[in-house]
Amino acid sequence: MSQPDFENQIAAIIAASRRPEVIEAMRRFYEDADRAIAAKPATCWNRGECCRFGQFGHRLYVTSLEACYYLATGTLPPPITDDTCPHAFEGKCHARDRRPLGCRIFFCDPNAQAWQGPFTEERLGILRELHEQLDVPYVYADWMAILRVLRHEAKE
């Protein structure tokens, strides 16, 4: 969905970020994903260069449940000054435990390309089902747009 769709759902997403069952479901979801990813062949050697989305030539999309978990498990994002994730600095992620699924799955290692796409689709299917089970509106939007809206709306 586009950014306006996300902005229309922000109150419901912020409310869902306060529901313990939503946070627990996402914690389990990420633990399962991390366990499966750890068993796959992949190495990261670019030290956060992929977090410079514009320069790296890609976008990161996330779901509302990922935004809920991010919001519930930490502080608001730092100010966003460019097209780089504000948590990526000094060669590492400073929101590692609450980073989105795409950050967990993406490796610049060419050996990972064979499993990344199918694994992403499988996990997005699980997320879609979780949205329905937990009655959280489903939005799929650009990470940087979501961070900007969360920063603005959640502190009001």
N, C-alpha and C. Protein backbone atom coordinates (compact mmCIF):
# COMPACT_ATOMS: atom_id res chain seq x y z
N MET A 1 0.84 -1.18 0.00
CA MET A 1 0.00 0.00 0.00
C MET A 1 0.88 1.24 0.00
N SER A 2 0.31 2.31 -0.41
CA SER A 2 1.08 3.54 -0.49
C SER A 2 1.18 4.23 0.86
N GLN A 3 2.01 5.24 0.93
CA GLN A 3 2.18 5.97 2.18
C GLN A 3 0.87 6.57 2.68
N PRO A 4 0.01 7.16 1.84
CA PRO A 4 -1.25 7.68 2.39
C PRO A 4 -2.06 6.60 3.10
N ASP A 5 -2.05 5.36 2.59
CA ASP A 5 -2.74 4.27 3.26
C ASP A 5 -2.16 4.05 4.64
N PHE A 6 -0.86 4.13 4.74
CA PHE A 6 -0.21 3.96 6.05
C PHE A 6 -0.63 5.09 6.98
N GLU A 7 -0.61 6.30 6.51
CA GLU A 7 -0.98 7.43 7.34
C GLU A 7 -2.41 7.32 7.84
N ASN A 8 -3.31 6.75 7.02
CA ASN A 8 -4.70 6.55 7.43
C ASN A 8 -4.83 5.48 8.51
N GLN A 9 -3.88 4.59 8.62
CA GLN A 9 -3.93 3.48 9.58
C GLN A 9 -3.05 3.71 10.80
N ILE A 10 -2.36 4.83 10.89
CA ILE A 10 -1.36 5.01 11.94
C ILE A 10 -1.93 4.89 13.35
N ALA A 11 -3.13 5.40 13.60
CA ALA A 11 -3.70 5.30 14.95
C ALA A 11 -3.92 3.85 15.34
N ALA A 12 -4.41 3.03 14.40
CA ALA A 12 -4.63 1.61 14.68
C ALA A 12 -3.31 0.89 14.89
N ILE A 13 -2.29 1.27 14.16
CA ILE A 13 -0.98 0.64 14.30
C ILE A 13 -0.34 1.02 15.64
N ILE A 14 -0.45 2.27 16.02
CA ILE A 14 0.08 2.69 17.32
C ILE A 14 -0.67 1.98 18.44
N ALA A 15 -1.99 1.85 18.32
CA ALA A 15 -2.78 1.13 19.33
C ALA A 15 -2.35 -0.33 19.39
N ALA A 16 -2.14 -0.96 18.25
CA ALA A 16 -1.73 -2.37 18.23
C ALA A 16 -0.35 -2.55 18.85
N SER A 17 0.50 -1.54 18.76
CA SER A 17 1.84 -1.64 19.34
C SER A 17 1.79 -1.70 20.86
N ARG A 18 0.65 -1.42 21.43
CA ARG A 18 0.49 -1.46 22.90
C ARG A 18 -0.18 -2.75 23.36
N ARG A 19 -0.50 -3.64 22.43
CA ARG A 19 -1.16 -4.90 22.78
C ARG A 19 -0.11 -5.99 23.01
N PRO A 20 -0.05 -6.54 24.23
CA PRO A 20 0.96 -7.56 24.55
C PRO A 20 0.92 -8.78 23.63
N GLU A 21 -0.26 -9.21 23.21
CA GLU A 21 -0.34 -10.40 22.35
C GLU A 21 0.24 -10.13 20.96
N VAL A 22 0.16 -8.88 20.51
CA VAL A 22 0.76 -8.51 19.22
C VAL A 22 2.28 -8.56 19.33
N ILE A 23 2.81 -8.00 20.39
CA ILE A 23 4.26 -7.96 20.57
C ILE A 23 4.81 -9.36 20.77
N GLU A 24 4.11 -10.19 21.54
CA GLU A 24 4.57 -11.57 21.75
C GLU A 24 4.54 -12.36 20.44
N ALA A 25 3.51 -12.19 19.65
CA ALA A 25 3.43 -12.89 18.36
C ALA A 25 4.58 -12.48 17.45
N MET A 26 4.91 -11.20 17.44
CA MET A 26 6.02 -10.74 16.60
C MET A 26 7.37 -11.18 17.15
N ARG A 27 7.51 -11.22 18.45
CA ARG A 27 8.75 -11.72 19.04
C ARG A 27 8.98 -13.16 18.60
N ARG A 28 7.94 -13.98 18.69
CA ARG A 28 8.06 -15.39 18.26
C ARG A 28 8.33 -15.47 16.75
N PHE A 29 7.64 -14.63 15.97
CA PHE A 29 7.84 -14.62 14.53
C PHE A 29 9.30 -14.34 14.19
N TYR A 30 9.87 -13.32 14.81
CA TYR A 30 11.27 -12.97 14.54
C TYR A 30 12.23 -14.04 15.06
N GLU A 31 11.95 -14.63 16.20
CA GLU A 31 12.82 -15.71 16.70
C GLU A 31 12.84 -16.87 15.72
N ASP A 32 11.67 -17.25 15.21
CA ASP A 32 11.60 -18.34 14.22
C ASP A 32 12.35 -17.97 12.95
N ALA A 33 12.15 -16.75 12.48
CA ALA A 33 12.85 -16.31 11.26
C ALA A 33 14.36 -16.28 11.48
N ASP A 34 14.80 -15.75 12.61
CA ASP A 34 16.24 -15.67 12.90
C ASP A 34 16.87 -17.07 12.97
N ARG A 35 16.15 -17.98 13.58
CA ARG A 35 16.65 -19.36 13.69
C ARG A 35 16.82 -19.98 12.30
N ALA A 36 15.81 -19.80 11.45
CA ALA A 36 15.88 -20.34 10.09
C ALA A 36 16.98 -19.66 9.27
N ILE A 37 17.13 -18.36 9.42
CA ILE A 37 18.16 -17.62 8.68
C ILE A 37 19.55 -18.07 9.12
N ALA A 38 19.74 -18.29 10.40
CA ALA A 38 21.05 -18.71 10.92
C ALA A 38 21.50 -20.04 10.33
N ALA A 39 20.55 -20.85 9.91
CA ALA A 39 20.88 -22.16 9.34
C ALA A 39 21.17 -22.08 7.84
N LYS A 40 21.05 -20.91 7.25
CA LYS A 40 21.24 -20.76 5.81
C LYS A 40 22.63 -20.20 5.51
N PRO A 41 23.15 -20.50 4.32
CA PRO A 41 24.46 -19.97 3.95
C PRO A 41 24.38 -18.50 3.54
N ALA A 42 25.04 -17.65 4.33
CA ALA A 42 25.08 -16.23 4.00
C ALA A 42 26.10 -15.52 4.87
N THR A 43 26.70 -14.50 4.30
CA THR A 43 27.65 -13.67 5.02
C THR A 43 27.36 -12.22 4.67
N CYS A 44 27.53 -11.35 5.64
CA CYS A 44 27.38 -9.92 5.38
C CYS A 44 28.76 -9.29 5.52
N TRP A 45 29.19 -8.59 4.50
CA TRP A 45 30.51 -7.96 4.56
C TRP A 45 30.47 -6.46 4.24
N ASN A 46 29.28 -5.92 3.98
CA ASN A 46 29.27 -4.52 3.56
C ASN A 46 29.07 -3.52 4.71
N ARG A 47 28.93 -4.01 5.93
CA ARG A 47 28.88 -3.17 7.14
C ARG A 47 27.88 -2.02 7.05
N GLY A 48 26.66 -2.35 6.62
CA GLY A 48 25.60 -1.37 6.63
C GLY A 48 25.44 -0.52 5.39
N GLU A 49 26.22 -0.77 4.37
CA GLU A 49 26.08 0.02 3.14
C GLU A 49 24.68 -0.15 2.54
N CYS A 50 24.08 -1.32 2.71
CA CYS A 50 22.74 -1.56 2.16
C CYS A 50 21.69 -0.70 2.86
N CYS A 51 22.00 -0.18 4.04
CA CYS A 51 21.08 0.67 4.79
C CYS A 51 21.02 2.09 4.21
N ARG A 52 21.91 2.37 3.28
CA ARG A 52 21.88 3.65 2.54
C ARG A 52 21.04 3.37 1.29
N PHE A 53 19.74 3.34 1.48
CA PHE A 53 18.83 2.82 0.47
C PHE A 53 18.99 3.49 -0.88
N GLY A 54 19.00 4.81 -0.93
CA GLY A 54 19.15 5.51 -2.20
C GLY A 54 20.47 5.20 -2.89
N GLN A 55 21.55 5.22 -2.14
CA GLN A 55 22.87 4.96 -2.72
C GLN A 55 23.03 3.49 -3.10
N PHE A 56 22.43 2.58 -2.32
CA PHE A 56 22.57 1.16 -2.60
C PHE A 56 21.65 0.71 -3.74
N GLY A 57 20.64 1.54 -4.04
CA GLY A 57 19.76 1.24 -5.17
C GLY A 57 18.63 0.29 -4.85
N HIS A 58 18.13 0.31 -3.62
CA HIS A 58 16.99 -0.52 -3.29
C HIS A 58 16.14 0.14 -2.21
N ARG A 59 14.99 -0.45 -1.94
CA ARG A 59 14.07 0.02 -0.91
C ARG A 59 13.80 -1.12 0.05
N LEU A 60 13.43 -0.78 1.26
CA LEU A 60 13.01 -1.76 2.26
C LEU A 60 11.54 -1.51 2.54
N TYR A 61 10.73 -2.54 2.38
CA TYR A 61 9.30 -2.45 2.68
C TYR A 61 9.00 -3.29 3.91
N VAL A 62 8.07 -2.78 4.72
CA VAL A 62 7.70 -3.45 5.97
C VAL A 62 6.18 -3.46 6.10
N THR A 63 5.71 -4.34 6.97
CA THR A 63 4.28 -4.43 7.24
C THR A 63 3.92 -3.66 8.51
N SER A 64 2.63 -3.49 8.73
CA SER A 64 2.18 -2.80 9.94
C SER A 64 2.63 -3.51 11.20
N LEU A 65 2.59 -4.86 11.22
CA LEU A 65 3.03 -5.58 12.41
C LEU A 65 4.50 -5.33 12.70
N GLU A 66 5.31 -5.21 11.67
CA GLU A 66 6.72 -4.89 11.89
C GLU A 66 6.86 -3.50 12.49
N ALA A 67 6.04 -2.56 12.01
CA ALA A 67 6.06 -1.21 12.58
C ALA A 67 5.59 -1.24 14.04
N CYS A 68 4.59 -2.07 14.34
CA CYS A 68 4.11 -2.21 15.73
C CYS A 68 5.23 -2.69 16.63
N TYR A 69 5.92 -3.73 16.20
CA TYR A 69 6.99 -4.31 17.02
C TYR A 69 8.12 -3.30 17.21
N TYR A 70 8.49 -2.65 16.14
CA TYR A 70 9.54 -1.64 16.21
C TYR A 70 9.16 -0.56 17.23
N LEU A 71 7.95 -0.07 17.13
CA LEU A 71 7.50 1.01 18.00
C LEU A 71 7.41 0.56 19.46
N ALA A 72 6.95 -0.67 19.68
CA ALA A 72 6.74 -1.17 21.04
C ALA A 72 8.02 -1.52 21.77
N THR A 73 9.08 -1.78 21.05
CA THR A 73 10.29 -2.31 21.69
C THR A 73 11.45 -1.33 21.71
N GLY A 74 11.17 -0.07 21.57
CA GLY A 74 12.26 0.90 21.62
C GLY A 74 11.75 2.31 21.57
N THR A 75 12.66 3.20 21.44
CA THR A 75 12.32 4.61 21.36
C THR A 75 11.99 4.98 19.92
N LEU A 76 11.52 6.18 19.73
CA LEU A 76 11.24 6.67 18.39
C LEU A 76 12.53 6.74 17.59
N PRO A 77 12.41 6.70 16.27
CA PRO A 77 13.63 6.79 15.47
C PRO A 77 14.32 8.13 15.65
N PRO A 78 15.65 8.12 15.51
CA PRO A 78 16.37 9.39 15.51
C PRO A 78 15.90 10.23 14.31
N PRO A 79 16.24 11.51 14.31
CA PRO A 79 15.87 12.32 13.14
C PRO A 79 16.39 11.70 11.85
N ILE A 80 15.60 11.82 10.82
CA ILE A 80 15.95 11.26 9.51
C ILE A 80 16.41 12.42 8.64
N THR A 81 17.65 12.37 8.23
CA THR A 81 18.23 13.48 7.48
C THR A 81 18.45 13.18 6.01
N ASP A 82 18.45 11.89 5.65
CA ASP A 82 18.64 11.53 4.25
C ASP A 82 17.95 10.20 3.99
N ASP A 83 18.35 9.50 2.96
CA ASP A 83 17.71 8.24 2.57
C ASP A 83 18.47 7.04 3.15
N THR A 84 18.95 7.19 4.38
CA THR A 84 19.67 6.14 5.09
C THR A 84 18.91 5.82 6.37
N CYS A 85 18.81 4.55 6.69
CA CYS A 85 18.14 4.18 7.94
C CYS A 85 18.84 4.91 9.09
N PRO A 86 18.09 5.58 9.95
CA PRO A 86 18.72 6.36 11.02
C PRO A 86 19.37 5.49 12.10
N HIS A 87 19.12 4.19 12.04
CA HIS A 87 19.74 3.29 13.02
C HIS A 87 21.06 2.71 12.54
N ALA A 88 21.43 2.99 11.31
CA ALA A 88 22.66 2.46 10.72
C ALA A 88 23.77 3.50 10.82
N PHE A 89 24.69 3.26 11.73
CA PHE A 89 25.86 4.12 11.82
C PHE A 89 26.97 3.35 12.52
N GLU A 90 28.18 3.82 12.33
CA GLU A 90 29.38 3.17 12.86
C GLU A 90 29.49 1.71 12.39
N GLY A 91 29.00 1.45 11.18
CA GLY A 91 29.13 0.13 10.59
C GLY A 91 28.23 -0.94 11.16
N LYS A 92 27.20 -0.54 11.93
CA LYS A 92 26.29 -1.55 12.46
C LYS A 92 24.90 -0.99 12.67
N CYS A 93 23.96 -1.89 12.93
CA CYS A 93 22.57 -1.54 13.18
C CYS A 93 22.38 -1.32 14.68
N HIS A 94 21.84 -0.18 15.03
CA HIS A 94 21.60 0.14 16.44
C HIS A 94 20.15 -0.11 16.85
N ALA A 95 19.42 -0.84 16.01
CA ALA A 95 18.06 -1.29 16.34
C ALA A 95 17.95 -2.77 16.00
N ARG A 96 19.03 -3.48 16.21
CA ARG A 96 19.15 -4.86 15.74
C ARG A 96 18.02 -5.77 16.19
N ASP A 97 17.64 -5.71 17.45
CA ASP A 97 16.59 -6.61 17.95
C ASP A 97 15.22 -6.29 17.40
N ARG A 98 15.01 -5.06 16.95
CA ARG A 98 13.70 -4.69 16.44
C ARG A 98 13.70 -4.36 14.96
N ARG A 99 14.76 -4.76 14.28
CA ARG A 99 14.85 -4.47 12.85
C ARG A 99 13.82 -5.31 12.07
N PRO A 100 13.37 -4.80 10.92
CA PRO A 100 12.37 -5.50 10.13
C PRO A 100 12.89 -6.80 9.51
N LEU A 101 11.95 -7.59 9.03
CA LEU A 101 12.27 -8.87 8.41
C LEU A 101 13.24 -8.72 7.24
N GLY A 102 13.01 -7.73 6.38
CA GLY A 102 13.89 -7.55 5.23
C GLY A 102 15.34 -7.33 5.62
N CYS A 103 15.57 -6.65 6.73
CA CYS A 103 16.94 -6.44 7.21
C CYS A 103 17.55 -7.76 7.68
N ARG A 104 16.72 -8.61 8.23
CA ARG A 104 17.20 -9.90 8.74
C ARG A 104 17.54 -10.85 7.59
N ILE A 105 16.78 -10.76 6.51
CA ILE A 105 16.92 -11.69 5.39
C ILE A 105 17.98 -11.25 4.39
N PHE A 106 18.14 -9.95 4.17
CA PHE A 106 19.01 -9.48 3.10
C PHE A 106 20.49 -9.65 3.46
N PHE A 107 21.20 -10.31 2.57
CA PHE A 107 22.65 -10.43 2.64
C PHE A 107 23.19 -10.10 1.26
N CYS A 108 24.29 -9.37 1.21
CA CYS A 108 24.89 -9.04 -0.08
C CYS A 108 25.65 -10.23 -0.67
N ASP A 109 25.82 -11.26 0.09
CA ASP A 109 26.49 -12.48 -0.34
C ASP A 109 25.72 -13.15 -1.49
N PRO A 110 26.34 -13.33 -2.65
CA PRO A 110 25.64 -13.96 -3.78
C PRO A 110 25.13 -15.37 -3.45
N ASN A 111 25.75 -16.04 -2.50
CA ASN A 111 25.29 -17.38 -2.11
C ASN A 111 23.91 -17.35 -1.46
N ALA A 112 23.49 -16.21 -0.97
CA ALA A 112 22.20 -16.10 -0.30
C ALA A 112 21.06 -15.86 -1.29
N GLN A 113 21.38 -15.48 -2.50
CA GLN A 113 20.32 -15.11 -3.44
C GLN A 113 19.37 -16.25 -3.76
N ALA A 114 19.84 -17.47 -3.71
CA ALA A 114 18.98 -18.61 -4.04
C ALA A 114 17.86 -18.81 -3.03
N TRP A 115 18.09 -18.49 -1.79
CA TRP A 115 17.06 -18.73 -0.76
C TRP A 115 16.32 -17.48 -0.31
N GLN A 116 16.90 -16.29 -0.54
CA GLN A 116 16.29 -15.06 -0.02
C GLN A 116 14.87 -14.82 -0.55
N GLY A 117 14.67 -14.89 -1.83
CA GLY A 117 13.35 -14.61 -2.40
C GLY A 117 12.27 -15.56 -1.89
N PRO A 118 12.47 -16.87 -2.03
CA PRO A 118 11.45 -17.80 -1.53
C PRO A 118 11.21 -17.68 -0.02
N PHE A 119 12.26 -17.48 0.74
CA PHE A 119 12.10 -17.34 2.19
C PHE A 119 11.33 -16.06 2.53
N THR A 120 11.62 -14.98 1.82
CA THR A 120 10.89 -13.73 2.04
C THR A 120 9.41 -13.92 1.77
N GLU A 121 9.07 -14.54 0.65
CA GLU A 121 7.66 -14.75 0.31
C GLU A 121 6.96 -15.62 1.35
N GLU A 122 7.64 -16.66 1.80
CA GLU A 122 7.07 -17.53 2.83
C GLU A 122 6.77 -16.73 4.10
N ARG A 123 7.74 -15.95 4.54
CA ARG A 123 7.58 -15.18 5.78
C ARG A 123 6.55 -14.07 5.64
N LEU A 124 6.47 -13.45 4.47
CA LEU A 124 5.44 -12.43 4.26
C LEU A 124 4.05 -13.05 4.32
N GLY A 125 3.91 -14.29 3.85
CA GLY A 125 2.64 -15.00 3.96
C GLY A 125 2.25 -15.23 5.41
N ILE A 126 3.23 -15.59 6.22
CA ILE A 126 2.98 -15.78 7.66
C ILE A 126 2.58 -14.46 8.30
N LEU A 127 3.27 -13.39 7.94
CA LEU A 127 2.92 -12.07 8.47
C LEU A 127 1.50 -11.67 8.07
N ARG A 128 1.13 -11.95 6.84
CA ARG A 128 -0.23 -11.63 6.38
C ARG A 128 -1.26 -12.35 7.25
N GLU A 129 -1.01 -13.62 7.53
CA GLU A 129 -1.91 -14.39 8.39
C GLU A 129 -1.96 -13.82 9.81
N LEU A 130 -0.81 -13.40 10.32
CA LEU A 130 -0.76 -12.81 11.66
C LEU A 130 -1.57 -11.52 11.72
N HIS A 131 -1.53 -10.73 10.67
CA HIS A 131 -2.34 -9.51 10.63
C HIS A 131 -3.82 -9.86 10.80
N GLU A 132 -4.24 -10.89 10.09
CA GLU A 132 -5.65 -11.30 10.18
C GLU A 132 -5.98 -11.86 11.56
N GLN A 133 -5.12 -12.75 12.08
CA GLN A 133 -5.37 -13.37 13.38
C GLN A 133 -5.42 -12.33 14.49
N LEU A 134 -4.55 -11.34 14.42
CA LEU A 134 -4.44 -10.35 15.48
C LEU A 134 -5.32 -9.11 15.23
N ASP A 135 -6.00 -9.10 14.10
CA ASP A 135 -6.87 -7.98 13.73
C ASP A 135 -6.12 -6.65 13.73
N VAL A 136 -4.99 -6.65 13.02
CA VAL A 136 -4.19 -5.44 12.83
C VAL A 136 -4.25 -5.10 11.34
N PRO A 137 -4.60 -3.87 10.99
CA PRO A 137 -4.70 -3.51 9.57
C PRO A 137 -3.38 -3.79 8.85
N TYR A 138 -3.49 -4.39 7.67
CA TYR A 138 -2.31 -4.73 6.89
C TYR A 138 -1.92 -3.56 5.99
N VAL A 139 -0.70 -3.09 6.18
CA VAL A 139 -0.11 -2.08 5.31
C VAL A 139 1.29 -2.58 4.97
N TYR A 140 1.70 -2.40 3.74
CA TYR A 140 3.04 -2.75 3.28
C TYR A 140 3.60 -1.49 2.65
N ALA A 141 4.55 -0.87 3.34
CA ALA A 141 5.01 0.45 2.90
C ALA A 141 6.52 0.59 3.09
N ASP A 142 7.06 1.61 2.49
CA ASP A 142 8.49 1.91 2.55
C ASP A 142 8.92 2.21 3.99
N TRP A 143 9.97 1.57 4.44
CA TRP A 143 10.49 1.72 5.80
C TRP A 143 10.77 3.17 6.16
N MET A 144 11.41 3.89 5.27
CA MET A 144 11.76 5.27 5.58
C MET A 144 10.49 6.13 5.73
N ALA A 145 9.48 5.89 4.91
CA ALA A 145 8.21 6.62 5.03
C ALA A 145 7.55 6.29 6.36
N ILE A 146 7.57 5.03 6.74
CA ILE A 146 6.98 4.62 8.01
C ILE A 146 7.73 5.25 9.18
N LEU A 147 9.04 5.24 9.14
CA LEU A 147 9.80 5.86 10.23
C LEU A 147 9.46 7.35 10.36
N ARG A 148 9.33 8.02 9.23
CA ARG A 148 8.99 9.45 9.29
C ARG A 148 7.62 9.67 9.93
N VAL A 149 6.63 8.86 9.54
CA VAL A 149 5.29 9.00 10.08
C VAL A 149 5.28 8.62 11.56
N LEU A 150 5.95 7.53 11.93
CA LEU A 150 6.00 7.13 13.33
C LEU A 150 6.64 8.21 14.19
N ARG A 151 7.72 8.76 13.70
CA ARG A 151 8.41 9.80 14.45
C ARG A 151 7.48 11.00 14.69
N HIS A 152 6.75 11.35 13.68
CA HIS A 152 5.85 12.50 13.78
C HIS A 152 4.62 12.19 14.63
N GLU A 153 3.94 11.08 14.36
CA GLU A 153 2.66 10.77 14.99
C GLU A 153 2.78 10.22 16.41
N ALA A 154 3.74 9.36 16.65
CA ALA A 154 3.81 8.68 17.95
C ALA A 154 4.21 9.62 19.07
N LYS A 155 4.88 10.70 18.74
CA LYS A 155 5.30 11.61 19.83
C LYS A 155 4.23 12.66 20.14
N GLU A 156 3.16 12.69 19.34
CA GLU A 156 2.08 13.66 19.60
C GLU A 156 1.15 13.17 20.67
